[in-house]
Each structure stands twice: as C-alpha cells, then as structure tokens.
Amino acid sequence: MKLITNVKEGESIDRVLKKCKQKFDKARILKKLRERQHYIKPSERKRKKLIKAKYREYLNSKNYD
C-alpha cells in the first residue's frame, strides 16, 4: 500500500511529517501488520467479535440506567 503525501511549495518539514503520520494512522497499516503476524482461526475470530459486541451492549445499557 502506498501513502502519497502532497507537499506544497515552502511547506515546513514538520507539517509534512505530521500529515504523513496522520495518513499512516488512518490507513491502520500497523494494526493490519500486527494482526497478520499470527494466524487466528475463524472460530476464535467470531468468538472475539461476540465478546466485543456483548461488552459494547453492556456499556450502552449502563449509560441509560
């Protein structure tokens, strides 16, 4: 995946680095790489997804009480 950052004439290096970092974070490249380091069985993936959904539901129900 390529990250292309447009640089304007006279723009400071700090500003360009900040833009580049923001694009990198939004693309979630690092998260994808970490996920691919280990194989996760489909059943494990489903179970984690269910646990997250239950936790989110718990938090939402707690806020309305």
Protein backbone atom coordinates (compact mmCIF):
# COMPACT_ATOMS: atom_id res chain seq x y z
CA MET A 1 0.00 0.00 0.00
CA LYS A 2 1.31 3.41 -0.94
CA LEU A 3 0.88 6.54 1.11
CA ILE A 4 1.15 9.61 -1.07
CA THR A 5 1.50 12.92 0.72
CA ASN A 6 1.23 16.12 -1.31
CA VAL A 7 3.78 18.75 -0.37
CA LYS A 8 3.18 22.41 -1.12
CA GLU A 9 5.98 24.77 -2.05
CA GLY A 10 7.55 26.26 1.07
CA GLU A 11 5.71 23.93 3.49
CA SER A 12 7.72 23.05 6.59
CA ILE A 13 9.08 19.56 7.11
CA ASP A 14 7.31 19.25 10.47
CA ARG A 15 3.95 19.89 8.85
CA VAL A 16 4.61 17.34 6.10
CA LEU A 17 5.68 14.71 8.65
CA LYS A 18 2.52 15.38 10.65
CA LYS A 19 0.35 14.87 7.54
CA CYS A 20 2.21 11.68 6.70
CA LYS A 21 1.75 10.31 10.22
CA GLN A 22 -1.98 11.12 10.16
CA LYS A 23 -2.42 9.27 6.87
CA PHE A 24 -0.47 6.33 8.26
CA ASP A 25 -2.71 6.19 11.34
CA LYS A 26 -5.92 6.49 9.30
CA ALA A 27 -4.83 3.68 6.97
CA ARG A 28 -4.34 1.40 10.02
CA ILE A 29 -1.32 -0.21 8.39
CA LEU A 30 0.38 -1.05 11.67
CA LYS A 31 -2.77 -2.71 13.05
CA LYS A 32 -3.10 -4.86 9.93
CA LEU A 33 0.54 -5.94 10.16
CA ARG A 34 0.18 -6.93 13.80
CA GLU A 35 -2.97 -8.93 13.06
CA ARG A 36 -1.21 -10.83 10.29
CA GLN A 37 1.72 -11.88 12.48
CA HIS A 38 -0.26 -14.79 13.91
CA TYR A 39 -2.94 -16.93 12.34
CA ILE A 40 -6.31 -16.66 14.07
CA LYS A 41 -8.81 -19.42 13.48
CA PRO A 42 -12.21 -18.29 12.16
CA SER A 43 -13.96 -19.65 15.26
CA GLU A 44 -11.64 -17.61 17.50
CA ARG A 45 -12.27 -14.51 15.41
CA LYS A 46 -16.06 -14.99 15.75
CA ARG A 47 -15.77 -15.52 19.50
CA LYS A 48 -13.74 -12.31 19.95
CA LYS A 49 -16.26 -10.42 17.84
CA LEU A 50 -19.11 -11.73 20.02
CA ILE A 51 -17.32 -10.79 23.22
CA LYS A 52 -16.73 -7.25 21.92
CA ALA A 53 -20.38 -6.93 20.92
CA LYS A 54 -21.54 -8.08 24.37
CA TYR A 55 -19.19 -5.61 26.04
CA ARG A 56 -20.43 -2.75 23.85
CA GLU A 57 -24.03 -3.71 24.63
CA TYR A 58 -23.19 -3.75 28.35
CA LEU A 59 -21.67 -0.27 28.15
CA ASN A 60 -24.66 1.10 26.21
CA SER A 61 -27.17 -0.36 28.67
CA LYS A 62 -25.17 1.00 31.61
CA ASN A 63 -25.31 4.56 30.23
CA TYR A 64 -29.09 4.64 30.03
CA ASP A 65 -29.82 3.46 33.58
